[in-house]
N, C-alpha and C. Protein backbone atom coordinates (compact mmCIF):
# COMPACT_ATOMS: atom_id res chain seq x y z
N MET A 1 97.40 112.59 93.02
CA MET A 1 96.72 111.78 92.04
C MET A 1 95.90 110.73 92.77
N THR A 2 94.72 110.41 92.27
CA THR A 2 93.86 109.39 92.85
C THR A 2 93.43 108.42 91.75
N LEU A 3 92.77 107.33 92.17
CA LEU A 3 92.25 106.39 91.19
C LEU A 3 91.21 107.08 90.33
N SER A 4 91.23 106.80 89.05
CA SER A 4 90.33 107.44 88.11
C SER A 4 88.94 106.81 88.12
N PHE A 5 87.93 107.64 87.90
CA PHE A 5 86.57 107.14 87.82
C PHE A 5 86.36 106.28 86.57
N SER A 6 87.28 106.29 85.61
CA SER A 6 87.14 105.44 84.43
C SER A 6 87.24 103.97 84.80
N LEU A 7 87.82 103.66 85.95
CA LEU A 7 87.86 102.28 86.41
C LEU A 7 86.48 101.77 86.81
N CYS A 8 85.57 102.66 87.10
CA CYS A 8 84.24 102.27 87.55
C CYS A 8 83.50 101.42 86.52
N ALA A 9 83.83 101.56 85.26
CA ALA A 9 83.15 100.82 84.21
C ALA A 9 83.66 99.38 84.09
N MET A 10 84.67 99.02 84.84
CA MET A 10 85.30 97.70 84.74
C MET A 10 84.79 96.78 85.84
N HIS A 11 83.51 96.48 85.84
CA HIS A 11 82.87 95.71 86.90
C HIS A 11 83.41 94.29 87.04
N HIS A 12 83.97 93.72 85.98
CA HIS A 12 84.46 92.35 86.01
C HIS A 12 85.96 92.26 86.30
N LEU A 13 86.60 93.38 86.55
CA LEU A 13 88.03 93.42 86.82
C LEU A 13 88.35 92.63 88.10
N THR A 14 89.33 91.72 88.00
CA THR A 14 89.70 90.92 89.17
C THR A 14 91.10 91.25 89.69
N HIS A 15 92.00 91.70 88.83
CA HIS A 15 93.37 92.03 89.23
C HIS A 15 93.70 93.46 88.81
N LEU A 16 94.27 94.22 89.73
CA LEU A 16 94.64 95.59 89.42
C LEU A 16 95.99 95.89 90.07
N SER A 17 96.94 96.24 89.25
CA SER A 17 98.26 96.61 89.72
C SER A 17 98.55 98.03 89.26
N ILE A 18 98.63 98.95 90.21
CA ILE A 18 98.86 100.36 89.89
C ILE A 18 100.02 100.88 90.75
N ASN A 19 101.12 100.17 90.64
CA ASN A 19 102.33 100.52 91.37
C ASN A 19 103.02 101.73 90.76
N SER A 20 103.70 102.48 91.60
CA SER A 20 104.55 103.60 91.17
C SER A 20 103.82 104.62 90.31
N ASN A 21 102.65 105.05 90.79
CA ASN A 21 101.85 106.04 90.06
C ASN A 21 101.59 107.31 90.86
N HIS A 22 102.30 107.50 91.95
CA HIS A 22 102.14 108.68 92.81
C HIS A 22 100.72 108.82 93.35
N LEU A 23 100.04 107.69 93.58
CA LEU A 23 98.70 107.72 94.15
C LEU A 23 98.76 108.21 95.59
N GLN A 24 97.83 109.08 95.95
CA GLN A 24 97.80 109.64 97.30
C GLN A 24 96.78 108.93 98.18
N CYS A 25 95.76 108.34 97.56
CA CYS A 25 94.72 107.68 98.34
C CYS A 25 94.02 106.62 97.50
N LEU A 26 93.27 105.79 98.20
CA LEU A 26 92.43 104.79 97.54
C LEU A 26 91.00 105.30 97.62
N ASP A 27 90.41 105.59 96.51
CA ASP A 27 89.09 106.20 96.45
C ASP A 27 88.01 105.15 96.70
N ARG A 28 87.31 105.29 97.82
CA ARG A 28 86.26 104.34 98.19
C ARG A 28 85.18 104.23 97.12
N GLU A 29 84.78 105.34 96.53
CA GLU A 29 83.73 105.32 95.51
C GLU A 29 84.14 104.51 94.29
N VAL A 30 85.41 104.57 93.93
CA VAL A 30 85.91 103.78 92.79
C VAL A 30 85.99 102.31 93.17
N LEU A 31 86.55 102.02 94.33
CA LEU A 31 86.69 100.62 94.75
C LEU A 31 85.35 99.94 94.94
N ASP A 32 84.34 100.69 95.37
CA ASP A 32 83.00 100.12 95.52
C ASP A 32 82.42 99.66 94.18
N GLN A 33 82.90 100.23 93.10
CA GLN A 33 82.41 99.88 91.77
C GLN A 33 83.17 98.70 91.15
N LEU A 34 84.09 98.10 91.92
CA LEU A 34 84.89 96.96 91.45
C LEU A 34 84.60 95.76 92.35
N PRO A 35 83.38 95.21 92.27
CA PRO A 35 82.97 94.16 93.21
C PRO A 35 83.72 92.85 93.07
N ASN A 36 84.36 92.60 91.95
CA ASN A 36 85.07 91.34 91.72
C ASN A 36 86.57 91.45 91.91
N LEU A 37 87.04 92.59 92.41
CA LEU A 37 88.47 92.80 92.58
C LEU A 37 89.01 91.85 93.63
N ASP A 38 89.91 90.97 93.20
CA ASP A 38 90.49 89.93 94.05
C ASP A 38 91.93 90.28 94.45
N PHE A 39 92.64 91.00 93.60
CA PHE A 39 94.06 91.30 93.77
C PHE A 39 94.28 92.78 93.55
N LEU A 40 94.90 93.45 94.51
CA LEU A 40 95.20 94.88 94.38
C LEU A 40 96.63 95.12 94.83
N SER A 41 97.42 95.70 93.95
CA SER A 41 98.78 96.07 94.28
C SER A 41 98.95 97.56 94.03
N VAL A 42 99.27 98.30 95.08
CA VAL A 42 99.47 99.75 95.00
C VAL A 42 100.82 100.13 95.62
N GLU A 43 101.80 99.29 95.39
CA GLU A 43 103.12 99.51 95.96
C GLU A 43 103.81 100.72 95.34
N ASN A 44 104.74 101.31 96.10
CA ASN A 44 105.56 102.43 95.62
C ASN A 44 104.74 103.64 95.19
N ASN A 45 103.79 104.02 96.03
CA ASN A 45 103.01 105.23 95.83
C ASN A 45 103.19 106.12 97.05
N ILE A 46 102.33 107.08 97.25
CA ILE A 46 102.40 107.95 98.43
C ILE A 46 101.09 107.89 99.22
N ILE A 47 100.49 106.72 99.25
CA ILE A 47 99.23 106.50 99.96
C ILE A 47 99.48 106.57 101.46
N SER A 48 98.65 107.34 102.16
CA SER A 48 98.85 107.50 103.60
C SER A 48 97.84 106.72 104.43
N SER A 49 96.79 106.21 103.80
CA SER A 49 95.74 105.51 104.54
C SER A 49 95.14 104.40 103.68
N LEU A 50 94.70 103.34 104.32
CA LEU A 50 94.00 102.27 103.62
C LEU A 50 92.48 102.46 103.73
N HIS A 51 92.08 103.63 104.22
CA HIS A 51 90.67 103.95 104.31
C HIS A 51 90.05 103.82 102.92
N GLY A 52 88.96 103.14 102.81
CA GLY A 52 88.34 102.90 101.52
C GLY A 52 88.33 101.43 101.16
N LEU A 53 89.14 100.65 101.85
CA LEU A 53 89.18 99.21 101.58
C LEU A 53 88.23 98.40 102.46
N GLN A 54 87.64 99.01 103.46
CA GLN A 54 86.82 98.28 104.42
C GLN A 54 85.69 97.49 103.77
N ARG A 55 85.13 98.00 102.68
CA ARG A 55 83.98 97.35 102.06
C ARG A 55 84.35 96.51 100.85
N SER A 56 85.61 96.29 100.60
CA SER A 56 86.03 95.47 99.46
C SER A 56 85.77 94.01 99.79
N GLN A 57 84.69 93.48 99.24
CA GLN A 57 84.20 92.17 99.66
C GLN A 57 84.94 90.99 99.04
N SER A 58 85.54 91.14 97.89
CA SER A 58 86.18 89.99 97.24
C SER A 58 87.71 90.06 97.26
N LEU A 59 88.26 91.09 97.85
CA LEU A 59 89.71 91.27 97.86
C LEU A 59 90.39 90.20 98.73
N SER A 60 91.32 89.45 98.14
CA SER A 60 92.04 88.43 98.91
C SER A 60 93.55 88.67 98.93
N GLU A 61 94.06 89.50 98.03
CA GLU A 61 95.48 89.84 98.02
C GLU A 61 95.63 91.35 97.95
N LEU A 62 96.44 91.89 98.85
CA LEU A 62 96.66 93.33 98.93
C LEU A 62 98.14 93.58 99.15
N TYR A 63 98.74 94.40 98.29
CA TYR A 63 100.16 94.74 98.38
C TYR A 63 100.30 96.26 98.47
N VAL A 64 100.87 96.74 99.57
CA VAL A 64 100.94 98.17 99.84
C VAL A 64 102.32 98.65 100.29
N SER A 65 103.36 97.89 100.03
CA SER A 65 104.68 98.28 100.52
C SER A 65 105.16 99.58 99.87
N ASN A 66 106.05 100.25 100.57
CA ASN A 66 106.66 101.50 100.11
C ASN A 66 105.63 102.59 99.82
N ASN A 67 104.79 102.84 100.82
CA ASN A 67 103.84 103.94 100.80
C ASN A 67 104.07 104.76 102.07
N ASP A 68 103.20 105.73 102.32
CA ASP A 68 103.32 106.59 103.51
C ASP A 68 102.29 106.23 104.57
N ILE A 69 101.91 104.97 104.66
CA ILE A 69 100.88 104.51 105.59
C ILE A 69 101.45 104.54 107.00
N SER A 70 100.76 105.25 107.89
CA SER A 70 101.25 105.36 109.26
C SER A 70 100.45 104.50 110.23
N THR A 71 99.18 104.23 109.91
CA THR A 71 98.36 103.36 110.75
C THR A 71 97.57 102.42 109.86
N ILE A 72 97.19 101.28 110.43
CA ILE A 72 96.39 100.31 109.70
C ILE A 72 95.13 100.05 110.49
N ASP A 73 93.99 100.17 109.83
CA ASP A 73 92.70 99.90 110.45
C ASP A 73 92.50 98.39 110.48
N LEU A 74 92.40 97.81 111.65
CA LEU A 74 92.28 96.37 111.78
C LEU A 74 90.91 95.84 111.38
N ASN A 75 90.01 96.73 110.95
CA ASN A 75 88.69 96.30 110.49
C ASN A 75 88.71 95.87 109.03
N ILE A 76 89.86 95.92 108.37
CA ILE A 76 89.98 95.48 106.99
C ILE A 76 90.11 93.97 107.00
N THR A 77 89.22 93.29 106.29
CA THR A 77 89.21 91.84 106.25
C THR A 77 89.39 91.39 104.81
N LEU A 78 90.41 90.56 104.57
CA LEU A 78 90.61 90.01 103.24
C LEU A 78 89.91 88.67 103.15
N CYS A 79 89.37 88.37 101.97
CA CYS A 79 88.68 87.10 101.75
C CYS A 79 89.68 85.97 101.65
N ASN A 80 89.24 84.76 101.92
CA ASN A 80 90.10 83.58 101.77
C ASN A 80 90.04 83.04 100.37
């Protein structure tokens, strides 16, 4: 399961919590359509990579515990 494209219509969304949904990945195309996303929680899924978050310009809080992430790209920068 991946993030749905129906989220793309929510341009003003600032907080998104999608814990325990069996998500396998974070879809870059969907996240690019959420320019105001400040808080993202994807805990308790089966995500293996944070690839797709590199261009999230307004993200300041990220919660990813209890996933299948094996490496972290240090190019991910959270806003202050």
